[in-house]
Structure formats: C-alpha cells, structure tokens
Amino acid sequence: MIGWFLTGDERSYVGLKKAQAALLETEKAEGARATLAWSIPPKALRRLG
C-alpha cells in the first residue's frame, strides 16, 4: 500500500519489516501521491521504548 501512495503503481517498491513504522505525508486525502517522511526499523523503535 505504501508503494501505491508513493508511486501510484500497484506493485510494491517499499518493503517493511514486521513492526516497522513509516510516516507518509500528503497534500490531499485523495489520490495516490505522498512523500515518505521517515521510516524507522524495529530495532530503533525498541530503543525508543
């Protein structure tokens, strides 16, 4: 789903690990255009507590 928001394509271009977090920023709620603001892998999330 993240790939669709970033590219508008149904194919997946972004792989997320289990428990990984990502923030997508959009201008509008409609359409498939977003920017990946950040992505945090599980190990970094555990360190944050």
PDB file of N, CA and C in Angstrom:
ATOM      1  N   MET A   1       0.818  -1.190   0.000  1.00  0.00           N
ATOM      2  CA  MET A   1       0.000   0.000   0.000  1.00  0.00           C
ATOM      3  C   MET A   1       0.866   1.259   0.000  1.00  0.00           C
ATOM      4  N   ILE A   2       1.999   1.227   0.686  1.00  0.00           N
ATOM      5  CA  ILE A   2       2.876   2.399   0.708  1.00  0.00           C
ATOM      6  C   ILE A   2       3.375   2.708  -0.700  1.00  0.00           C
ATOM      7  N   GLY A   3       3.715   1.672  -1.455  1.00  0.00           N
ATOM      8  CA  GLY A   3       4.155   1.867  -2.826  1.00  0.00           C
ATOM      9  C   GLY A   3       3.109   2.568  -3.668  1.00  0.00           C
ATOM     10  N   TRP A   4       1.845   2.247  -3.475  1.00  0.00           N
ATOM     11  CA  TRP A   4       0.762   2.879  -4.223  1.00  0.00           C
ATOM     12  C   TRP A   4       0.693   4.370  -3.899  1.00  0.00           C
ATOM     13  N   PHE A   5       0.793   4.720  -2.622  1.00  0.00           N
ATOM     14  CA  PHE A   5       0.754   6.128  -2.245  1.00  0.00           C
ATOM     15  C   PHE A   5       1.957   6.905  -2.784  1.00  0.00           C
ATOM     16  N   LEU A   6       3.119   6.258  -2.849  1.00  0.00           N
ATOM     17  CA  LEU A   6       4.325   6.944  -3.307  1.00  0.00           C
ATOM     18  C   LEU A   6       4.419   7.043  -4.821  1.00  0.00           C
ATOM     19  N   THR A   7       3.942   6.022  -5.534  1.00  0.00           N
ATOM     20  CA  THR A   7       4.139   5.985  -6.983  1.00  0.00           C
ATOM     21  C   THR A   7       2.850   5.928  -7.790  1.00  0.00           C
ATOM     22  N   GLY A   8       1.740   5.520  -7.167  1.00  0.00           N
ATOM     23  CA  GLY A   8       0.501   5.327  -7.907  1.00  0.00           C
ATOM     24  C   GLY A   8       0.435   3.971  -8.590  1.00  0.00           C
ATOM     25  N   ASP A   9       1.458   3.151  -8.417  1.00  0.00           N
ATOM     26  CA  ASP A   9       1.538   1.824  -9.027  1.00  0.00           C
ATOM     27  C   ASP A   9       1.137   0.769  -7.994  1.00  0.00           C
ATOM     28  N   GLU A  10       0.467  -0.267  -8.448  1.00  0.00           N
ATOM     29  CA  GLU A  10       0.027  -1.323  -7.526  1.00  0.00           C
ATOM     30  C   GLU A  10       1.165  -2.232  -7.073  1.00  0.00           C
ATOM     31  N   ARG A  11       2.290  -2.224  -7.792  1.00  0.00           N
ATOM     32  CA  ARG A  11       3.433  -3.049  -7.389  1.00  0.00           C
ATOM     33  C   ARG A  11       4.084  -2.463  -6.143  1.00  0.00           C
ATOM     34  N   SER A  12       4.667  -3.314  -5.338  1.00  0.00           N
ATOM     35  CA  SER A  12       5.304  -2.871  -4.099  1.00  0.00           C
ATOM     36  C   SER A  12       6.764  -2.508  -4.347  1.00  0.00           C
ATOM     37  N   TYR A  13       7.133  -1.292  -4.019  1.00  0.00           N
ATOM     38  CA  TYR A  13       8.510  -0.832  -4.140  1.00  0.00           C
ATOM     39  C   TYR A  13       9.146  -0.604  -2.774  1.00  0.00           C
ATOM     40  N   VAL A  14       8.346  -0.674  -1.739  1.00  0.00           N
ATOM     41  CA  VAL A  14       8.824  -0.416  -0.382  1.00  0.00           C
ATOM     42  C   VAL A  14       8.577  -1.661   0.448  1.00  0.00           C
ATOM     43  N   GLY A  15       9.637  -2.189   1.036  1.00  0.00           N
ATOM     44  CA  GLY A  15       9.498  -3.347   1.897  1.00  0.00           C
ATOM     45  C   GLY A  15       9.610  -2.936   3.355  1.00  0.00           C
ATOM     46  N   LEU A  16       8.647  -3.323   4.145  1.00  0.00           N
ATOM     47  CA  LEU A  16       8.680  -3.025   5.577  1.00  0.00           C
ATOM     48  C   LEU A  16       8.828  -4.322   6.356  1.00  0.00           C
ATOM     49  N   LYS A  17       9.635  -4.260   7.385  1.00  0.00           N
ATOM     50  CA  LYS A  17       9.759  -5.407   8.279  1.00  0.00           C
ATOM     51  C   LYS A  17       8.604  -5.398   9.267  1.00  0.00           C
ATOM     52  N   LYS A  18       8.376  -6.535   9.901  1.00  0.00           N
ATOM     53  CA  LYS A  18       7.356  -6.632  10.923  1.00  0.00           C
ATOM     54  C   LYS A  18       7.680  -5.621  12.022  1.00  0.00           C
ATOM     55  N   ALA A  19       6.710  -4.838  12.429  1.00  0.00           N
ATOM     56  CA  ALA A  19       6.819  -3.831  13.491  1.00  0.00           C
ATOM     57  C   ALA A  19       7.585  -2.581  13.067  1.00  0.00           C
ATOM     58  N   GLN A  20       7.826  -2.401  11.779  1.00  0.00           N
ATOM     59  CA  GLN A  20       8.466  -1.175  11.297  1.00  0.00           C
ATOM     60  C   GLN A  20       7.403  -0.093  11.155  1.00  0.00           C
ATOM     61  N   ALA A  21       7.792   1.161  11.378  1.00  0.00           N
ATOM     62  CA  ALA A  21       6.867   2.278  11.264  1.00  0.00           C
ATOM     63  C   ALA A  21       7.324   3.219  10.163  1.00  0.00           C
ATOM     64  N   ALA A  22       6.362   3.847   9.500  1.00  0.00           N
ATOM     65  CA  ALA A  22       6.674   4.797   8.446  1.00  0.00           C
ATOM     66  C   ALA A  22       5.641   5.920   8.470  1.00  0.00           C
ATOM     67  N   LEU A  23       6.071   7.114   8.091  1.00  0.00           N
ATOM     68  CA  LEU A  23       5.168   8.258   8.004  1.00  0.00           C
ATOM     69  C   LEU A  23       5.138   8.739   6.560  1.00  0.00           C
ATOM     70  N   LEU A  24       3.933   8.799   6.004  1.00  0.00           N
ATOM     71  CA  LEU A  24       3.724   9.334   4.666  1.00  0.00           C
ATOM     72  C   LEU A  24       3.046  10.688   4.805  1.00  0.00           C
ATOM     73  N   GLU A  25       3.528  11.675   4.059  1.00  0.00           N
ATOM     74  CA  GLU A  25       2.900  12.997   4.070  1.00  0.00           C
ATOM     75  C   GLU A  25       2.200  13.220   2.743  1.00  0.00           C
ATOM     76  N   THR A  26       0.973  13.756   2.793  1.00  0.00           N
ATOM     77  CA  THR A  26       0.204  14.027   1.587  1.00  0.00           C
ATOM     78  C   THR A  26      -0.321  15.452   1.622  1.00  0.00           C
ATOM     79  N   GLU A  27      -0.573  15.989   0.447  1.00  0.00           N
ATOM     80  CA  GLU A  27      -1.182  17.315   0.325  1.00  0.00           C
ATOM     81  C   GLU A  27      -2.699  17.205   0.432  1.00  0.00           C
ATOM     82  N   LYS A  28      -3.253  16.155  -0.164  1.00  0.00           N
ATOM     83  CA  LYS A  28      -4.704  15.941  -0.193  1.00  0.00           C
ATOM     84  C   LYS A  28      -5.017  14.536   0.283  1.00  0.00           C
ATOM     85  N   ALA A  29      -6.226  14.320   0.740  1.00  0.00           N
ATOM     86  CA  ALA A  29      -6.638  12.992   1.182  1.00  0.00           C
ATOM     87  C   ALA A  29      -6.955  12.079   0.002  1.00  0.00           C
ATOM     88  N   GLU A  30      -7.151  12.644  -1.170  1.00  0.00           N
ATOM     89  CA  GLU A  30      -7.498  11.843  -2.339  1.00  0.00           C
ATOM     90  C   GLU A  30      -6.272  11.617  -3.230  1.00  0.00           C
ATOM     91  N   GLY A  31      -6.333  10.612  -4.034  1.00  0.00           N
ATOM     92  CA  GLY A  31      -5.249  10.353  -4.975  1.00  0.00           C
ATOM     93  C   GLY A  31      -4.096   9.579  -4.373  1.00  0.00           C
ATOM     94  N   ALA A  32      -3.170   9.241  -5.225  1.00  0.00           N
ATOM     95  CA  ALA A  32      -2.059   8.383  -4.816  1.00  0.00           C
ATOM     96  C   ALA A  32      -0.751   9.150  -4.850  1.00  0.00           C
ATOM     97  N   ARG A  33      -0.663  10.228  -4.152  1.00  0.00           N
ATOM     98  CA  ARG A  33       0.579  10.991  -4.121  1.00  0.00           C
ATOM     99  C   ARG A  33       0.958  11.278  -2.680  1.00  0.00           C
ATOM    100  N   ALA A  34       2.130  10.812  -2.301  1.00  0.00           N
ATOM    101  CA  ALA A  34       2.625  11.025  -0.945  1.00  0.00           C
ATOM    102  C   ALA A  34       4.143  11.057  -0.980  1.00  0.00           C
ATOM    103  N   THR A  35       4.716  11.564   0.093  1.00  0.00           N
ATOM    104  CA  THR A  35       6.165  11.593   0.268  1.00  0.00           C
ATOM    105  C   THR A  35       6.493  10.807   1.524  1.00  0.00           C
ATOM    106  N   LEU A  36       7.493   9.953   1.432  1.00  0.00           N
ATOM    107  CA  LEU A  36       7.935   9.203   2.604  1.00  0.00           C
ATOM    108  C   LEU A  36       8.763  10.142   3.472  1.00  0.00           C
ATOM    109  N   ALA A  37       8.207  10.541   4.619  1.00  0.00           N
ATOM    110  CA  ALA A  37       8.888  11.476   5.520  1.00  0.00           C
ATOM    111  C   ALA A  37       9.964  10.770   6.331  1.00  0.00           C
ATOM    112  N   TRP A  38       9.634   9.591   6.868  1.00  0.00           N
ATOM    113  CA  TRP A  38      10.614   8.804   7.613  1.00  0.00           C
ATOM    114  C   TRP A  38      10.152   7.360   7.714  1.00  0.00           C
ATOM    115  N   SER A  39      11.108   6.518   8.008  1.00  0.00           N
ATOM    116  CA  SER A  39      10.864   5.098   8.229  1.00  0.00           C
ATOM    117  C   SER A  39      11.799   4.648   9.342  1.00  0.00           C
ATOM    118  N   ILE A  40      11.248   3.980  10.334  1.00  0.00           N
ATOM    119  CA  ILE A  40      12.046   3.539  11.477  1.00  0.00           C
ATOM    120  C   ILE A  40      11.960   2.015  11.592  1.00  0.00           C
ATOM    121  N   PRO A  41      13.116   1.340  11.540  1.00  0.00           N
ATOM    122  CA  PRO A  41      13.111  -0.121  11.658  1.00  0.00           C
ATOM    123  C   PRO A  41      12.809  -0.563  13.097  1.00  0.00           C
ATOM    124  N   PRO A  42      12.405  -1.817  13.267  1.00  0.00           N
ATOM    125  CA  PRO A  42      12.019  -2.315  14.589  1.00  0.00           C
ATOM    126  C   PRO A  42      13.088  -2.116  15.670  1.00  0.00           C
ATOM    127  N   LYS A  43      14.343  -2.326  15.339  1.00  0.00           N
ATOM    128  CA  LYS A  43      15.398  -2.195  16.343  1.00  0.00           C
ATOM    129  C   LYS A  43      15.460  -0.776  16.914  1.00  0.00           C
ATOM    130  N   ALA A  44      15.315   0.228  16.058  1.00  0.00           N
ATOM    131  CA  ALA A  44      15.323   1.630  16.519  1.00  0.00           C
ATOM    132  C   ALA A  44      14.080   1.927  17.344  1.00  0.00           C
ATOM    133  N   LEU A  45      12.942   1.356  16.980  1.00  0.00           N
ATOM    134  CA  LEU A  45      11.714   1.565  17.753  1.00  0.00           C
ATOM    135  C   LEU A  45      11.858   0.986  19.162  1.00  0.00           C
ATOM    136  N   ARG A  46      12.489  -0.177  19.265  1.00  0.00           N
ATOM    137  CA  ARG A  46      12.682  -0.778  20.599  1.00  0.00           C
ATOM    138  C   ARG A  46      13.562   0.123  21.480  1.00  0.00           C
ATOM    139  N   ARG A  47      14.552   0.750  20.882  1.00  0.00           N
ATOM    140  CA  ARG A  47      15.417   1.645  21.638  1.00  0.00           C
ATOM    141  C   ARG A  47      14.665   2.874  22.150  1.00  0.00           C
ATOM    142  N   LEU A  48      13.671   3.312  21.404  1.00  0.00           N
ATOM    143  CA  LEU A  48      12.868   4.473  21.823  1.00  0.00           C
ATOM    144  C   LEU A  48      11.992   4.139  23.034  1.00  0.00           C
ATOM    145  N   GLY A  49      11.717   2.842  23.205  1.00  0.00           N
ATOM    146  CA  GLY A  49      10.960   2.380  24.360  1.00  0.00           C
ATOM    147  C   GLY A  49       9.518   2.421  24.152  1.00  0.00           C
TER     148      GLY A  49
END
